[in-house]
C-alpha cells in the first residue's frame, strides 16, 4: 500500500473531513435560514442563492468520490444526448441498488453544472436529518410519506412550485420507492404476479403514481425523461465508508433520453410506459451481467476543479481555528477542558457515523417489505 493510500485509511483524517462537512453544513444551513427574508422580496434571487449554498455543501461529497477515492464515472449514451446535458429541465429515473447511487448521480450533475439545482422526490423522514434534510428544505425538495392518499396534494403543490425555477433543474425519481434488497425483490415480484405484471430480475416493481404525477405537473417545463441505469465494474458493491477509505470504483451509467412529448399524457398509458421502461432496464442489466459493459458509445465527462477548491476553502476556514483551540486546551492542562474537548470529538464521531448510516443498505427503510401483505 502506498503512503497516500495509507493516509486515506487513517481515522483522524476521516474525522477532520467529517468535521469540515458537518460544521460547514451547519453554517450553510444558518445562512439559508437567513435567506428566507429574500423569498417575499425576490423569490428567484432566493432560489439562485440557495443553489450556490447547496452546491457548497454537496460538492464536498462529490469531491470525496472524484478526487479522494478517484472513482471514475463512464456514460454510455449518444452524443446528441450529451450535448443537451445541463441545458434543459429533465426528469431523471435511476435504479436504486447501491449505497452511493445518489453520489454517482450528483457527480454527473456536477460535471454538467446542475448540482446545486438538482431535485429529488425524497422520503419525508429525511427532512428530520440535519444537513441533508435541512438543506433540501431550503432547496424546495419535494418530500413524501409514501402514502399516496396523504401525499397527493403535497407532491402536486411541490411540483407545481417548481415550474418557474430559474436554474436548469434535474428532478430525480427512484421509481422503485426503496433500495433493492433480495427480500424486497421477492415480495415485489409476488405483487407483480398478483397484478399480472411482467416480473423483473434486477429491479423492484416501479411505483407509478410519483412518476405519472411528476410528468403531469412538469409537462411544459421539463423537456425530457433521462433513464439512467447504473452498475459497477467487477460486480463491486461500493459504500460511502469505502469512498471515505479511498477505495476506487468504476461506475458505468447507461443514459437514454425520451422527449416528454413522446410519453403518454393519459395516466394509465403513462404508467404502462413506465412498466415497459423497467422491462428495458432489466434487459440492459442482463446485458451488463453477461458482457461487463453497456451497449453504445462511451463518454467520460471531465472532472471540474470547483469541488476541490470549495473543500480547500472550508478546510482553511474551519481547521485553523480548530487546531488553535485544541492546542490551547491541552496547553492549559485543565482536566475539565480536556475531557470536554474529547467528549466533543466522541459526539462528532457518533454523529458522522449516523449520517453515513443513512446511506447503508442494511440500515435502509423497510418500505416494501409488507407490500404484498397489504395488497393481499
Protein backbone atom coordinates (compact mmCIF):
# COMPACT_ATOMS: atom_id res chain seq x y z
CA UNK A 1 0.00 0.00 0.00
CA UNK A 2 1.40 3.42 -0.99
CA UNK A 3 1.81 6.21 1.53
CA UNK A 4 -1.10 8.25 0.12
CA UNK A 5 -3.36 5.19 0.13
CA UNK A 6 -2.28 4.52 3.74
CA UNK A 7 -3.14 8.10 4.77
CA UNK A 8 -6.62 7.74 3.33
CA UNK A 9 -7.35 4.90 5.76
CA UNK A 10 -6.48 6.94 8.86
CA UNK A 11 -9.35 7.73 11.19
CA UNK A 12 -8.00 11.14 12.18
CA UNK A 13 -8.25 12.30 8.54
CA UNK A 14 -11.78 10.90 8.28
CA UNK A 15 -12.67 12.82 11.42
CA UNK A 16 -11.23 16.09 10.07
CA UNK A 17 -13.05 15.67 6.74
CA UNK A 18 -16.26 14.94 8.60
CA UNK A 19 -15.73 17.95 10.87
CA UNK A 20 -15.38 20.23 7.86
CA UNK A 21 -18.51 18.79 6.25
CA UNK A 22 -20.68 18.95 9.38
CA UNK A 23 -19.63 22.41 10.60
CA UNK A 24 -19.70 23.96 7.11
CA UNK A 25 -23.14 22.38 6.66
CA UNK A 26 -24.45 23.95 9.85
CA UNK A 27 -23.05 27.32 8.77
CA UNK A 28 -24.67 26.92 5.35
CA UNK A 29 -27.99 25.93 6.96
CA UNK A 30 -27.87 29.07 9.12
CA UNK A 31 -27.20 31.25 6.06
CA UNK A 32 -30.06 29.52 4.27
CA UNK A 33 -32.33 30.32 7.21
CA UNK A 34 -31.38 33.98 6.84
CA UNK A 35 -32.17 33.90 3.11
CA UNK A 36 -35.84 33.24 3.89
CA UNK A 37 -36.17 37.02 4.17
CA UNK A 38 -35.46 37.16 0.41
CA UNK A 39 -38.43 34.98 -0.53
CA UNK A 40 -41.18 37.63 -0.29
CA UNK A 41 -38.92 40.23 -1.91
CA UNK A 42 -37.35 38.30 -4.77
CA UNK A 43 -38.17 34.58 -4.98
CA UNK A 44 -35.86 33.91 -7.91
CA UNK A 45 -32.89 35.55 -6.16
CA UNK A 46 -33.62 33.38 -3.10
CA UNK A 47 -33.51 30.31 -5.33
CA UNK A 48 -30.27 31.27 -7.06
CA UNK A 49 -28.56 31.97 -3.74
CA UNK A 50 -29.70 28.65 -2.27
CA UNK A 51 -28.49 26.76 -5.34
CA UNK A 52 -24.97 28.10 -4.63
CA UNK A 53 -25.20 27.37 -0.92
CA UNK A 54 -26.40 23.82 -1.54
CA UNK A 55 -23.62 23.32 -4.08
CA UNK A 56 -21.06 24.36 -1.47
CA UNK A 57 -22.23 21.50 0.78
CA UNK A 58 -23.00 18.70 -1.67
CA UNK A 59 -19.84 19.28 -3.71
CA UNK A 60 -17.81 18.20 -0.68
CA UNK A 61 -19.28 14.70 -1.02
CA UNK A 62 -18.69 14.78 -4.77
CA UNK A 63 -15.08 15.78 -4.04
CA UNK A 64 -14.67 12.62 -1.94
CA UNK A 65 -15.89 10.48 -4.83
CA UNK A 66 -13.97 12.23 -7.61
CA UNK A 67 -10.72 13.39 -6.00
CA UNK A 68 -10.32 11.46 -2.73
CA UNK A 69 -11.29 7.97 -3.96
CA UNK A 70 -10.66 8.65 -7.65
CA UNK A 71 -13.85 6.85 -8.68
CA UNK A 72 -14.47 7.04 -12.44
CA UNK A 73 -17.91 7.53 -13.98
CA UNK A 74 -18.38 6.48 -17.59
CA UNK A 75 -21.51 7.38 -19.54
CA UNK A 76 -22.94 5.12 -22.23
CA UNK A 77 -25.10 7.36 -24.36
CA UNK A 78 -25.42 9.15 -27.67
CA UNK A 79 -23.52 12.38 -28.35
CA UNK A 80 -26.82 14.12 -29.13
CA UNK A 81 -27.93 13.35 -25.56
CA UNK A 82 -24.67 14.53 -24.01
CA UNK A 83 -24.95 17.81 -25.92
CA UNK A 84 -28.24 18.51 -24.12
CA UNK A 85 -26.92 17.83 -20.60
CA UNK A 86 -27.17 20.91 -18.39
CA UNK A 87 -29.21 22.82 -20.97
CA UNK A 88 -32.75 21.66 -20.21
CA UNK A 89 -35.10 20.79 -17.34
CA UNK A 90 -35.41 17.00 -17.15
CA UNK A 91 -36.84 14.17 -15.07
CA UNK A 92 -34.26 11.53 -14.11
CA UNK A 93 -35.14 7.87 -13.45
CA UNK A 94 -32.36 5.99 -11.65
CA UNK A 95 -32.21 2.42 -10.35
CA UNK A 96 -31.74 2.18 -6.58
CA UNK A 97 -29.36 -0.74 -6.00
CA UNK A 98 -26.29 0.79 -4.36
CA UNK A 99 -25.41 2.84 -1.30
CA UNK A 100 -23.70 5.53 -3.38
CA UNK A 101 -26.01 5.64 -6.41
CA UNK A 102 -27.10 9.14 -5.36
CA UNK A 103 -23.46 10.21 -5.22
CA UNK A 104 -22.75 8.98 -8.74
CA UNK A 105 -25.81 10.91 -9.88
CA UNK A 106 -24.53 14.03 -8.14
CA UNK A 107 -21.15 13.60 -9.85
CA UNK A 108 -22.77 13.76 -13.28
CA UNK A 109 -24.87 16.72 -12.12
CA UNK A 110 -21.70 18.50 -11.01
CA UNK A 111 -19.83 17.87 -14.23
CA UNK A 112 -22.65 19.44 -16.22
CA UNK A 113 -23.24 22.35 -13.82
CA UNK A 114 -26.59 21.39 -12.27
CA UNK A 115 -25.59 20.01 -8.86
CA UNK A 116 -26.87 22.97 -6.85
CA UNK A 117 -30.25 22.96 -8.59
CA UNK A 118 -30.80 19.19 -8.69
CA UNK A 119 -34.02 17.97 -7.09
CA UNK A 120 -35.41 14.68 -5.82
CA UNK A 121 -38.70 13.20 -4.68
CA UNK A 122 -37.47 12.26 -1.19
CA UNK A 123 -38.93 10.32 1.72
CA UNK A 124 -40.30 12.58 4.46
CA UNK A 125 -38.06 11.03 7.15
CA UNK A 126 -35.02 12.71 5.58
CA UNK A 127 -36.48 16.12 6.40
CA UNK A 128 -35.52 15.48 10.03
CA UNK A 129 -31.89 14.62 9.24
CA UNK A 130 -29.51 17.54 9.94
CA UNK A 131 -27.63 18.95 6.95
CA UNK A 132 -29.29 16.63 4.41
CA UNK A 133 -32.95 17.32 5.13
CA UNK A 134 -32.43 20.90 6.26
CA UNK A 135 -30.55 21.84 3.09
CA UNK A 136 -33.19 20.14 0.95
CA UNK A 137 -35.95 22.06 2.70
CA UNK A 138 -34.45 25.39 1.65
CA UNK A 139 -33.88 23.99 -1.84
CA UNK A 140 -37.63 23.24 -2.24
CA UNK A 141 -37.16 19.49 -2.43
CA UNK A 142 -40.47 17.61 -2.68
CA UNK A 143 -40.96 15.29 0.32
CA UNK A 144 -43.46 12.44 0.56
CA UNK A 145 -44.58 9.96 3.23
CA UNK A 146 -45.08 7.27 0.58
CA UNK A 147 -48.79 7.04 1.35
CA UNK A 148 -50.44 8.42 -1.75
CA UNK A 149 -53.67 9.43 -0.03
CA UNK A 150 -51.64 11.72 2.25
CA UNK A 151 -49.01 12.72 -0.31
CA UNK A 152 -51.12 13.65 -3.34
CA UNK A 153 -51.78 17.31 -2.53
CA UNK A 154 -48.32 17.93 -1.06
CA UNK A 155 -46.48 16.39 -4.01
CA UNK A 156 -48.62 18.12 -6.63
CA UNK A 157 -48.18 21.52 -4.95
CA UNK A 158 -44.43 20.98 -4.53
CA UNK A 159 -44.02 20.10 -8.19
CA UNK A 160 -46.14 22.99 -9.39
CA UNK A 161 -43.98 25.36 -7.34
CA UNK A 162 -41.01 24.33 -9.49
CA UNK A 163 -42.46 25.18 -12.91
CA UNK A 164 -40.82 28.64 -12.88
CA UNK A 165 -37.49 27.51 -11.39
CA UNK A 166 -34.77 29.82 -12.77
CA UNK A 167 -31.86 27.33 -12.80
CA UNK A 168 -31.53 24.28 -15.05
CA UNK A 169 -33.18 21.54 -12.99
CA UNK A 170 -32.70 17.77 -12.94
CA UNK A 171 -35.51 16.13 -10.95
CA UNK A 172 -34.58 12.66 -9.72
CA UNK A 173 -37.08 9.85 -9.17
CA UNK A 174 -36.37 6.48 -7.59
CA UNK A 175 -39.46 4.84 -9.06
CA UNK A 176 -38.82 1.61 -7.15
CA UNK A 177 -39.59 3.57 -3.99
CA UNK A 178 -36.86 1.95 -1.90
CA UNK A 179 -33.41 0.47 -2.30
CA UNK A 180 -33.15 -3.01 -3.82
CA UNK A 181 -32.66 -5.99 -1.50
CA UNK A 182 -33.32 -9.66 -2.18
CA UNK A 183 -36.14 -9.75 0.37
CA UNK A 184 -37.84 -6.70 -1.14
CA UNK A 185 -37.35 -8.10 -4.63
CA UNK A 186 -39.06 -11.36 -3.69
CA UNK A 187 -42.03 -9.50 -2.22
CA UNK A 188 -42.15 -7.11 -5.17
CA UNK A 189 -42.31 -9.97 -7.66
CA UNK A 190 -45.17 -11.53 -5.68
CA UNK A 191 -47.00 -8.23 -6.12
CA UNK A 192 -46.20 -8.27 -9.86
CA UNK A 193 -47.61 -11.79 -10.16
CA UNK A 194 -50.78 -10.87 -8.27
CA UNK A 195 -51.33 -7.89 -10.60
CA UNK A 196 -50.49 -9.75 -13.79
CA UNK A 197 -47.40 -7.63 -14.48
CA UNK A 198 -44.16 -8.92 -16.06
CA UNK A 199 -41.57 -9.95 -13.49
CA UNK A 200 -38.22 -8.17 -13.23
CA UNK A 201 -34.90 -9.80 -12.41
CA UNK A 202 -32.76 -6.84 -11.36
CA UNK A 203 -35.30 -4.22 -10.26
CA UNK A 204 -38.25 -3.83 -7.97
CA UNK A 205 -41.67 -3.19 -9.45
CA UNK A 206 -41.86 0.56 -10.19
CA UNK A 207 -44.45 2.61 -8.34
CA UNK A 208 -46.20 4.67 -10.96
CA UNK A 209 -48.06 7.38 -9.01
CA UNK A 210 -44.99 9.53 -8.35
CA UNK A 211 -43.83 9.26 -11.95
CA UNK A 212 -47.18 9.98 -13.62
CA UNK A 213 -47.81 12.92 -11.28
CA UNK A 214 -44.34 14.36 -11.91
CA UNK A 215 -44.77 14.08 -15.67
CA UNK A 216 -48.20 15.73 -15.49
CA UNK A 217 -47.03 18.61 -13.30
CA UNK A 218 -43.74 19.29 -15.10
CA UNK A 219 -45.05 18.84 -18.64
CA UNK A 220 -44.27 22.10 -20.39
CA UNK A 221 -41.35 22.75 -18.00
CA UNK A 222 -39.24 19.59 -18.39
CA UNK A 223 -38.13 18.72 -21.91
CA UNK A 224 -37.34 15.03 -21.45
CA UNK A 225 -37.01 11.99 -19.24
CA UNK A 226 -33.49 10.61 -18.80
CA UNK A 227 -33.48 6.93 -17.94
CA UNK A 228 -30.24 6.09 -16.10
CA UNK A 229 -29.15 2.52 -15.35
CA UNK A 230 -26.15 2.36 -13.02
CA UNK A 231 -23.74 -0.51 -12.44
CA UNK A 232 -20.22 -1.02 -11.11
CA UNK A 233 -17.49 -2.98 -12.82
CA UNK A 234 -16.20 -6.26 -11.42
CA UNK A 235 -19.51 -6.66 -9.57
CA UNK A 236 -18.33 -4.29 -6.83
CA UNK A 237 -20.83 -3.14 -4.21
CA UNK A 238 -19.44 0.25 -3.13
CA UNK A 239 -20.26 2.08 0.09
CA UNK A 240 -19.80 5.58 1.46
CA UNK A 241 -17.37 4.17 4.02
CA UNK A 242 -15.39 2.64 1.16
CA UNK A 243 -15.22 6.05 -0.51
CA UNK A 244 -14.05 7.60 2.78
CA UNK A 245 -11.27 4.97 2.95
CA UNK A 246 -10.16 5.98 -0.54
CA UNK A 247 -11.37 2.90 -2.42
CA UNK A 248 -11.62 3.49 -6.16
CA UNK A 249 -14.61 2.20 -8.10
CA UNK A 250 -15.56 2.15 -11.77
CA UNK A 251 -19.15 3.29 -12.29
CA UNK A 252 -20.93 2.76 -15.62
CA UNK A 253 -24.13 4.68 -16.35
CA UNK A 254 -26.32 3.98 -19.37
CA UNK A 255 -28.36 7.10 -20.19
CA UNK A 256 -31.30 7.16 -22.60
CA UNK A 257 -33.23 10.32 -23.45
CA UNK A 258 -37.00 10.26 -24.05
CA UNK A 259 -38.63 13.55 -25.16
CA UNK A 260 -41.54 14.34 -22.86
CA UNK A 261 -43.92 14.76 -25.80
CA UNK A 262 -43.36 11.07 -26.62
CA UNK A 263 -44.62 9.97 -23.18
CA UNK A 264 -48.41 9.45 -22.97
CA UNK A 265 -50.44 12.12 -21.17
CA UNK A 266 -53.10 9.66 -20.04
CA UNK A 267 -52.24 8.41 -16.54
CA UNK A 268 -52.94 4.74 -17.28
CA UNK A 269 -50.93 4.80 -20.51
CA UNK A 270 -48.14 6.73 -18.78
CA UNK A 271 -47.97 4.06 -16.04
CA UNK A 272 -47.83 1.32 -18.69
CA UNK A 273 -44.99 3.22 -20.40
CA UNK A 274 -43.04 3.19 -17.12
CA UNK A 275 -43.52 -0.57 -16.70
CA UNK A 276 -42.20 -1.11 -20.24
CA UNK A 277 -39.23 1.12 -19.43
CA UNK A 278 -38.32 -1.03 -16.43
CA UNK A 279 -38.50 -4.16 -18.56
CA UNK A 280 -35.98 -2.47 -20.88
CA UNK A 281 -33.82 -1.51 -17.87
CA UNK A 282 -33.87 -5.16 -16.81
CA UNK A 283 -32.67 -6.15 -20.29
CA UNK A 284 -29.84 -3.61 -20.03
CA UNK A 285 -28.80 -5.04 -16.66
CA UNK A 286 -28.89 -8.55 -18.13
CA UNK A 287 -26.59 -7.36 -20.92
CA UNK A 288 -24.22 -5.83 -18.36
CA UNK A 289 -24.14 -9.04 -16.31
CA UNK A 290 -23.13 -11.07 -19.38
CA UNK A 291 -20.83 -8.60 -21.18
CA UNK A 292 -19.48 -6.46 -18.33
CA UNK A 293 -20.46 -3.31 -20.18
CA UNK A 294 -23.48 -1.44 -21.53
CA UNK A 295 -24.12 -1.15 -25.30
CA UNK A 296 -23.47 2.08 -27.16
CA UNK A 297 -20.75 4.72 -27.33
CA UNK A 298 -18.83 5.72 -24.19
CA UNK A 299 -18.22 9.21 -22.87
CA UNK A 300 -16.23 10.34 -19.81
CA UNK A 301 -17.15 13.86 -18.75
CA UNK A 302 -14.03 15.56 -17.31
CA UNK A 303 -13.73 16.47 -13.64
CA UNK A 304 -14.01 20.13 -12.76
CA UNK A 305 -11.76 21.77 -10.09
CA UNK A 306 -14.57 23.57 -8.24
CA UNK A 307 -15.41 20.75 -5.83
CA UNK A 308 -11.76 20.57 -4.73
CA UNK A 309 -11.39 24.35 -4.41
CA UNK A 310 -14.62 24.58 -2.40
CA UNK A 311 -13.38 21.90 0.03
CA UNK A 312 -10.00 23.63 0.41
CA UNK A 313 -11.82 26.88 1.23
CA UNK A 314 -13.84 25.29 4.03
CA UNK A 315 -10.78 23.38 5.29
CA UNK A 316 -8.76 26.59 5.70
CA UNK A 317 -11.66 28.46 7.28
CA UNK A 318 -12.57 25.74 9.80
CA UNK A 319 -9.45 23.73 10.64
CA UNK A 320 -7.17 26.66 11.51
CA UNK A 321 -9.31 27.79 14.49
CA UNK A 322 -9.91 24.13 15.45
CA UNK A 323 -6.17 23.42 15.70
CA UNK A 324 -5.57 26.63 17.63
CA UNK A 325 -8.35 25.74 20.05
CA UNK A 326 -7.11 22.16 20.52
CA UNK A 327 -3.57 23.33 21.25
CA UNK A 328 -4.91 25.85 23.74
CA UNK A 329 -6.97 23.18 25.52
CA UNK A 330 -4.04 20.79 26.00
CA UNK A 331 -1.58 23.54 26.89
CA UNK A 332 -3.94 24.78 29.61
CA UNK A 333 -3.69 21.44 31.39
CA UNK A 334 -7.27 21.79 32.61
CA UNK A 335 -8.82 18.32 33.06
CA UNK A 336 -12.29 19.83 32.61
CA UNK A 337 -11.41 21.41 29.24
CA UNK A 338 -9.59 18.29 28.03
CA UNK A 339 -12.49 15.99 28.97
CA UNK A 340 -14.95 18.41 27.37
CA UNK A 341 -12.92 18.56 24.15
CA UNK A 342 -12.57 14.77 23.97
CA UNK A 343 -16.31 14.41 24.62
CA UNK A 344 -16.95 16.76 21.70
CA UNK A 345 -14.74 14.56 19.49
CA UNK A 346 -16.67 11.48 20.59
CA UNK A 347 -20.03 13.10 19.85
CA UNK A 348 -18.74 14.23 16.45
CA UNK A 349 -17.66 10.65 15.62
CA UNK A 350 -21.07 9.33 16.60
CA UNK A 351 -22.91 11.98 14.57
CA UNK A 352 -20.85 11.33 11.45
CA UNK A 353 -21.39 7.58 11.76
CA UNK A 354 -25.15 8.14 11.99
CA UNK A 355 -25.09 10.33 8.87
CA UNK A 356 -23.19 7.63 6.97
CA UNK A 357 -25.71 5.08 8.26
CA UNK A 358 -28.48 6.86 6.33
CA UNK A 359 -26.95 5.52 3.09
CA UNK A 360 -26.30 1.95 4.21
CA UNK A 361 -28.40 -0.76 2.58
CA UNK A 362 -28.69 -2.93 5.68
CA UNK A 363 -29.98 0.08 7.61
CA UNK A 364 -32.31 1.28 4.89
CA UNK A 365 -36.04 1.58 5.21
CA UNK A 366 -38.27 -1.47 5.44
CA UNK A 367 -40.62 0.14 2.94
CA UNK A 368 -41.85 -2.56 0.58
CA UNK A 369 -41.31 -5.49 2.93
CA UNK A 370 -45.02 -5.58 3.80
CA UNK A 371 -46.28 -4.51 0.38
CA UNK A 372 -47.51 -7.94 -0.65
CA UNK A 373 -49.40 -8.44 2.61
CA UNK A 374 -51.13 -5.08 2.12
CA UNK A 375 -52.11 -5.95 -1.43
CA UNK A 376 -53.42 -9.29 -0.28
